[in-house]
Amino acid sequence: MKPVEVGHLTIGKQQPLTIIAGPCVIESEDIVLRTAETIVEITQNLPVQYIFKASYKKANRTSVTGFTGIDFSKALNILAKVKQEFQIPVLTAIHKEV
């Protein structure tokens, strides 16, 4: 397997473990920023790499009345803020409603 570059990180054999973590779905800027900050604090002194991940919209909820996310542009602005403020790579997932 060839290594993969994600932002400033290299993922692959001979590289530190990479943790991809964050809230399941973006509910608010405050929750996202506090989550990112906490995980960065925990991982910064460990031999791991960290990538923040949160979905901006969740279509795969068990209830049609369940929370699915916030406005698309607002969610992307929050993810951009995480990347800028904490200098970490950011991922999101795109869900398609079926």
N, C-alpha and C. Protein backbone atom coordinates (compact mmCIF):
# COMPACT_ATOMS: atom_id res chain seq x y z
N MET A 1 0.82 -1.18 0.00
CA MET A 1 0.00 0.00 0.00
C MET A 1 0.87 1.25 0.00
N LYS A 2 0.51 2.19 -0.86
CA LYS A 2 1.23 3.45 -0.92
C LYS A 2 0.73 4.38 0.18
N PRO A 3 1.62 5.15 0.78
CA PRO A 3 1.19 6.15 1.77
C PRO A 3 0.26 7.18 1.13
N VAL A 4 -0.61 7.75 1.95
CA VAL A 4 -1.57 8.76 1.50
C VAL A 4 -1.29 10.05 2.27
N GLU A 5 -1.27 11.15 1.55
CA GLU A 5 -1.08 12.45 2.16
C GLU A 5 -2.43 13.07 2.46
N VAL A 6 -2.64 13.47 3.69
CA VAL A 6 -3.86 14.17 4.11
C VAL A 6 -3.40 15.43 4.84
N GLY A 7 -3.51 16.56 4.15
CA GLY A 7 -2.98 17.78 4.73
C GLY A 7 -1.49 17.63 4.94
N HIS A 8 -1.02 17.89 6.14
CA HIS A 8 0.41 17.77 6.45
C HIS A 8 0.77 16.38 6.98
N LEU A 9 -0.19 15.46 7.01
CA LEU A 9 0.04 14.12 7.55
C LEU A 9 0.29 13.11 6.43
N THR A 10 1.08 12.10 6.75
CA THR A 10 1.26 10.96 5.86
C THR A 10 0.70 9.74 6.58
N ILE A 11 -0.21 9.05 5.92
CA ILE A 11 -0.85 7.88 6.51
C ILE A 11 -0.38 6.65 5.75
N GLY A 12 0.06 5.64 6.48
CA GLY A 12 0.48 4.41 5.84
C GLY A 12 1.40 3.62 6.75
N LYS A 13 1.95 2.54 6.19
CA LYS A 13 2.91 1.73 6.95
C LYS A 13 4.08 2.60 7.37
N GLN A 14 4.64 2.28 8.49
CA GLN A 14 5.78 3.00 9.04
C GLN A 14 5.42 4.41 9.52
N GLN A 15 4.13 4.71 9.57
CA GLN A 15 3.68 6.02 10.06
C GLN A 15 2.94 5.82 11.38
N PRO A 16 2.86 6.87 12.19
CA PRO A 16 2.10 6.74 13.45
C PRO A 16 0.63 6.41 13.18
N LEU A 17 -0.01 5.83 14.17
CA LEU A 17 -1.44 5.56 14.11
C LEU A 17 -2.17 6.88 13.84
N THR A 18 -3.16 6.84 12.97
CA THR A 18 -3.96 8.03 12.68
C THR A 18 -5.36 7.83 13.25
N ILE A 19 -5.78 8.79 14.04
CA ILE A 19 -7.11 8.77 14.63
C ILE A 19 -7.99 9.76 13.89
N ILE A 20 -9.15 9.30 13.44
CA ILE A 20 -10.14 10.15 12.79
C ILE A 20 -11.32 10.19 13.75
N ALA A 21 -11.61 11.36 14.32
CA ALA A 21 -12.65 11.43 15.34
C ALA A 21 -13.28 12.81 15.39
N GLY A 22 -14.52 12.83 15.87
CA GLY A 22 -15.26 14.07 16.06
C GLY A 22 -16.72 13.73 16.29
N PRO A 23 -17.56 14.74 16.40
CA PRO A 23 -18.99 14.48 16.61
C PRO A 23 -19.60 13.85 15.36
N CYS A 24 -20.61 13.04 15.56
CA CYS A 24 -21.28 12.35 14.45
C CYS A 24 -21.80 13.34 13.42
N VAL A 25 -22.45 14.38 13.89
CA VAL A 25 -23.01 15.40 12.99
C VAL A 25 -22.80 16.77 13.64
N ILE A 26 -22.62 17.78 12.82
CA ILE A 26 -22.44 19.14 13.32
C ILE A 26 -23.77 19.66 13.85
N GLU A 27 -23.80 19.90 15.15
CA GLU A 27 -25.01 20.46 15.77
C GLU A 27 -24.85 21.95 16.01
N SER A 28 -23.64 22.38 16.39
CA SER A 28 -23.38 23.80 16.64
C SER A 28 -21.88 24.04 16.57
N GLU A 29 -21.52 25.29 16.34
CA GLU A 29 -20.11 25.67 16.31
C GLU A 29 -19.44 25.39 17.65
N ASP A 30 -20.13 25.71 18.73
CA ASP A 30 -19.56 25.52 20.07
C ASP A 30 -19.21 24.05 20.33
N ILE A 31 -20.12 23.16 20.03
CA ILE A 31 -19.85 21.73 20.26
C ILE A 31 -18.68 21.26 19.41
N VAL A 32 -18.65 21.67 18.15
CA VAL A 32 -17.58 21.24 17.25
C VAL A 32 -16.23 21.77 17.72
N LEU A 33 -16.15 23.04 18.05
CA LEU A 33 -14.87 23.61 18.48
C LEU A 33 -14.39 23.03 19.81
N ARG A 34 -15.31 22.82 20.75
CA ARG A 34 -14.92 22.20 22.02
C ARG A 34 -14.45 20.76 21.83
N THR A 35 -15.12 20.04 20.95
CA THR A 35 -14.72 18.66 20.67
C THR A 35 -13.33 18.62 20.03
N ALA A 36 -13.12 19.44 19.02
CA ALA A 36 -11.81 19.49 18.36
C ALA A 36 -10.71 19.87 19.34
N GLU A 37 -10.96 20.89 20.14
CA GLU A 37 -9.97 21.33 21.12
C GLU A 37 -9.61 20.21 22.10
N THR A 38 -10.61 19.52 22.59
CA THR A 38 -10.36 18.44 23.56
C THR A 38 -9.56 17.31 22.94
N ILE A 39 -9.93 16.91 21.74
CA ILE A 39 -9.20 15.80 21.11
C ILE A 39 -7.78 16.22 20.74
N VAL A 40 -7.60 17.46 20.28
CA VAL A 40 -6.24 17.95 20.01
C VAL A 40 -5.40 17.93 21.28
N GLU A 41 -5.96 18.39 22.39
CA GLU A 41 -5.23 18.38 23.67
C GLU A 41 -4.84 16.96 24.08
N ILE A 42 -5.74 16.02 23.90
CA ILE A 42 -5.47 14.62 24.27
C ILE A 42 -4.39 14.01 23.37
N THR A 43 -4.49 14.26 22.07
CA THR A 43 -3.58 13.58 21.12
C THR A 43 -2.23 14.26 20.94
N GLN A 44 -2.11 15.52 21.31
CA GLN A 44 -0.86 16.23 21.02
C GLN A 44 0.36 15.64 21.73
N ASN A 45 0.17 14.97 22.85
CA ASN A 45 1.28 14.37 23.58
C ASN A 45 1.35 12.85 23.41
N LEU A 46 0.62 12.34 22.44
CA LEU A 46 0.63 10.91 22.15
C LEU A 46 1.28 10.67 20.79
N PRO A 47 1.81 9.48 20.57
CA PRO A 47 2.45 9.19 19.27
C PRO A 47 1.41 8.84 18.20
N VAL A 48 0.46 9.75 17.98
CA VAL A 48 -0.60 9.53 17.00
C VAL A 48 -0.79 10.79 16.17
N GLN A 49 -1.44 10.60 15.03
CA GLN A 49 -1.84 11.72 14.18
C GLN A 49 -3.35 11.87 14.33
N TYR A 50 -3.85 13.09 14.19
CA TYR A 50 -5.28 13.31 14.38
C TYR A 50 -5.88 14.05 13.20
N ILE A 51 -7.01 13.52 12.72
CA ILE A 51 -7.83 14.16 11.70
C ILE A 51 -9.22 14.35 12.28
N PHE A 52 -9.73 15.58 12.22
CA PHE A 52 -11.07 15.86 12.72
C PHE A 52 -12.09 15.43 11.68
N LYS A 53 -13.19 14.81 12.12
CA LYS A 53 -14.26 14.40 11.22
C LYS A 53 -15.61 14.64 11.84
N ALA A 54 -16.49 15.28 11.10
CA ALA A 54 -17.89 15.46 11.49
C ALA A 54 -18.71 15.57 10.21
N SER A 55 -19.86 14.94 10.19
CA SER A 55 -20.74 15.04 9.04
C SER A 55 -21.53 16.34 9.13
N TYR A 56 -21.75 16.98 7.99
CA TYR A 56 -22.55 18.19 8.00
C TYR A 56 -24.03 17.86 7.86
N LYS A 57 -24.33 16.65 7.39
CA LYS A 57 -25.72 16.23 7.24
C LYS A 57 -25.76 14.71 7.36
N LYS A 58 -26.69 14.21 8.14
CA LYS A 58 -26.85 12.76 8.33
C LYS A 58 -28.20 12.32 7.78
N ALA A 59 -28.18 11.58 6.71
CA ALA A 59 -29.42 11.11 6.11
C ALA A 59 -29.82 9.74 6.62
N ASN A 60 -28.92 9.08 7.31
CA ASN A 60 -29.17 7.70 7.74
C ASN A 60 -29.62 7.62 9.19
N ARG A 61 -30.61 8.38 9.55
CA ARG A 61 -31.16 8.35 10.90
C ARG A 61 -32.25 7.29 10.99
N THR A 62 -32.45 6.74 12.17
CA THR A 62 -33.46 5.71 12.35
C THR A 62 -34.87 6.27 12.39
N SER A 63 -34.99 7.56 12.63
CA SER A 63 -36.30 8.20 12.67
C SER A 63 -36.33 9.35 11.67
N VAL A 64 -37.40 9.45 10.92
CA VAL A 64 -37.52 10.55 9.96
C VAL A 64 -37.61 11.90 10.65
N THR A 65 -37.93 11.90 11.95
CA THR A 65 -38.01 13.15 12.70
C THR A 65 -36.71 13.46 13.43
N GLY A 66 -35.69 12.60 13.30
CA GLY A 66 -34.42 12.81 13.98
C GLY A 66 -33.63 13.97 13.38
N PHE A 67 -32.78 14.56 14.18
CA PHE A 67 -31.93 15.69 13.75
C PHE A 67 -30.98 15.21 12.66
N THR A 68 -30.90 15.94 11.56
CA THR A 68 -30.01 15.54 10.46
C THR A 68 -28.86 16.51 10.24
N GLY A 69 -28.90 17.69 10.81
CA GLY A 69 -27.79 18.62 10.64
C GLY A 69 -28.25 20.06 10.47
N ILE A 70 -27.25 20.93 10.31
CA ILE A 70 -27.51 22.35 10.15
C ILE A 70 -27.34 22.75 8.68
N ASP A 71 -27.54 24.01 8.39
CA ASP A 71 -27.38 24.55 7.04
C ASP A 71 -26.00 24.21 6.48
N PHE A 72 -25.98 23.80 5.22
CA PHE A 72 -24.75 23.38 4.54
C PHE A 72 -23.62 24.41 4.63
N SER A 73 -23.89 25.64 4.26
CA SER A 73 -22.82 26.66 4.25
C SER A 73 -22.34 26.97 5.66
N LYS A 74 -23.24 26.98 6.63
CA LYS A 74 -22.84 27.20 8.01
C LYS A 74 -21.94 26.06 8.50
N ALA A 75 -22.31 24.83 8.16
CA ALA A 75 -21.51 23.67 8.56
C ALA A 75 -20.11 23.73 7.95
N LEU A 76 -20.02 24.07 6.68
CA LEU A 76 -18.70 24.16 6.04
C LEU A 76 -17.85 25.27 6.64
N ASN A 77 -18.47 26.37 7.03
CA ASN A 77 -17.73 27.45 7.70
C ASN A 77 -17.19 26.98 9.04
N ILE A 78 -17.96 26.18 9.76
CA ILE A 78 -17.50 25.65 11.04
C ILE A 78 -16.32 24.70 10.83
N LEU A 79 -16.41 23.83 9.83
CA LEU A 79 -15.29 22.92 9.53
C LEU A 79 -14.03 23.69 9.14
N ALA A 80 -14.20 24.75 8.37
CA ALA A 80 -13.06 25.59 7.99
C ALA A 80 -12.43 26.24 9.21
N LYS A 81 -13.26 26.66 10.15
CA LYS A 81 -12.77 27.26 11.38
C LYS A 81 -11.95 26.26 12.20
N VAL A 82 -12.41 25.00 12.26
CA VAL A 82 -11.65 23.95 12.95
C VAL A 82 -10.28 23.80 12.32
N LYS A 83 -10.24 23.70 11.00
CA LYS A 83 -8.97 23.54 10.29
C LYS A 83 -8.02 24.70 10.56
N GLN A 84 -8.54 25.91 10.49
CA GLN A 84 -7.72 27.10 10.68
C GLN A 84 -7.28 27.25 12.14
N GLU A 85 -8.20 27.10 13.06
CA GLU A 85 -7.89 27.34 14.47
C GLU A 85 -6.95 26.30 15.07
N PHE A 86 -7.11 25.04 14.67
CA PHE A 86 -6.32 23.97 15.29
C PHE A 86 -5.23 23.42 14.37
N GLN A 87 -5.18 23.90 13.13
CA GLN A 87 -4.15 23.48 12.19
C GLN A 87 -4.13 21.96 12.01
N ILE A 88 -5.31 21.39 11.81
CA ILE A 88 -5.45 19.95 11.63
C ILE A 88 -6.26 19.67 10.36
N PRO A 89 -6.02 18.52 9.75
CA PRO A 89 -6.86 18.14 8.60
C PRO A 89 -8.30 17.89 9.06
N VAL A 90 -9.23 18.13 8.15
CA VAL A 90 -10.66 17.98 8.46
C VAL A 90 -11.31 17.15 7.35
N LEU A 91 -12.14 16.20 7.79
CA LEU A 91 -12.93 15.38 6.87
C LEU A 91 -14.41 15.57 7.17
N THR A 92 -15.24 15.33 6.18
CA THR A 92 -16.67 15.26 6.39
C THR A 92 -17.21 14.13 5.55
N ALA A 93 -18.41 13.72 5.81
CA ALA A 93 -19.05 12.67 5.03
C ALA A 93 -20.27 13.25 4.34
N ILE A 94 -20.54 12.75 3.17
CA ILE A 94 -21.71 13.19 2.43
C ILE A 94 -22.66 12.00 2.39
N HIS A 95 -23.86 12.19 2.91
CA HIS A 95 -24.86 11.14 2.94
C HIS A 95 -25.94 11.45 1.91
N LYS A 96 -26.38 10.44 1.25
CA LYS A 96 -27.45 10.59 0.28
C LYS A 96 -28.72 9.97 0.85
N GLU A 97 -29.79 10.75 0.82
CA GLU A 97 -31.06 10.21 1.30
C GLU A 97 -31.58 9.22 0.27
N VAL A 98 -32.09 8.11 0.76
CA VAL A 98 -32.64 7.10 -0.15
C VAL A 98 -34.13 6.93 0.05
